[in-house]
Amino acid sequence: MIKIITSLGIGEVVYTIVRWSLQYYLLQIEYDAYLASIISQMISTVVYMIVLNLSVKMSRLYKDDT
C-alpha cells in the first residue's frame, strides 16, 4: 500500500510542476490562455504516466517472474 501511495505522490508532484511551468512558459511566449492550458495538460498527463510507470517498476510493485 505504501508503494502505491508513494508512486502516485511522486507522479502528482511531477505532474503539477510540469503543468504549471509549461503553462507559464507558453503564456510568456504569447499563446492563448486556453491553448496553453490544453497543451500543458496533455503534455503533463503523458509525463505523469511515464513517471508513474517508472516509479512502479523501480519500486517493484508488480513482481514479474519472467
Protein backbone atom coordinates (compact mmCIF):
# COMPACT_ATOMS: atom_id res chain seq x y z
CA MET A 1 0.00 0.00 0.00
CA ILE A 2 2.85 2.39 0.81
CA LYS A 3 4.44 1.71 -2.58
CA ILE A 4 1.23 2.67 -4.38
CA ILE A 5 0.84 5.90 -2.42
CA THR A 6 4.50 6.78 -2.94
CA SER A 7 4.30 6.15 -6.68
CA LEU A 8 1.15 8.24 -7.03
CA GLY A 9 2.60 11.01 -4.87
CA ILE A 10 5.76 11.25 -6.94
CA GLY A 11 3.69 11.31 -10.13
CA GLU A 12 1.40 14.05 -8.80
CA VAL A 13 4.33 16.27 -7.80
CA VAL A 14 5.96 15.88 -11.21
CA TYR A 15 2.62 16.45 -12.95
CA THR A 16 1.97 19.67 -11.05
CA ILE A 17 5.46 21.06 -11.63
CA VAL A 18 5.44 20.20 -15.35
CA ARG A 19 1.92 21.51 -15.93
CA TRP A 20 2.32 24.89 -14.27
CA SER A 21 5.83 25.58 -15.51
CA LEU A 22 4.89 24.62 -19.07
CA GLN A 23 1.71 26.67 -18.94
CA TYR A 24 3.65 29.66 -17.62
CA TYR A 25 6.20 29.26 -20.41
CA LEU A 26 3.51 29.04 -23.09
CA LEU A 27 1.79 32.13 -21.74
CA GLN A 28 5.10 34.00 -21.74
CA ILE A 29 5.59 33.29 -25.43
CA GLU A 30 2.06 34.63 -26.02
CA TYR A 31 -0.03 31.53 -26.63
CA ASP A 32 -3.74 31.99 -25.99
CA ALA A 33 -4.67 31.03 -22.44
CA TYR A 34 -6.99 28.18 -23.42
CA LEU A 35 -4.44 26.76 -25.85
CA ALA A 36 -1.63 26.99 -23.29
CA SER A 37 -3.82 25.18 -20.78
CA ILE A 38 -4.76 22.38 -23.18
CA ILE A 39 -1.19 21.84 -24.38
CA SER A 40 0.26 21.82 -20.87
CA GLN A 41 -2.49 19.45 -19.68
CA MET A 42 -1.79 16.97 -22.49
CA ILE A 43 1.99 17.01 -22.11
CA SER A 44 1.92 16.83 -18.33
CA THR A 45 -0.50 13.88 -18.45
CA VAL A 46 1.91 11.96 -20.69
CA VAL A 47 4.82 12.84 -18.37
CA TYR A 48 2.71 11.75 -15.37
CA MET A 49 2.02 8.35 -16.95
CA ILE A 50 5.70 7.84 -17.77
CA VAL A 51 6.82 8.81 -14.25
CA LEU A 52 4.14 6.63 -12.68
CA ASN A 53 5.16 3.60 -14.74
CA LEU A 54 8.84 4.14 -13.99
CA SER A 55 8.25 4.56 -10.26
CA VAL A 56 6.11 1.40 -10.16
CA LYS A 57 8.84 -0.55 -11.95
CA MET A 58 11.56 0.88 -9.72
CA SER A 59 9.65 0.05 -6.54
CA ARG A 60 8.88 -3.41 -7.97
CA LEU A 61 5.22 -3.06 -7.14
CA TYR A 62 4.37 -5.84 -9.58
CA LYS A 63 6.73 -8.76 -9.33
CA ASP A 64 7.48 -10.16 -12.74
CA ASP A 65 8.90 -13.68 -12.72
CA THR A 66 9.79 -13.68 -16.42
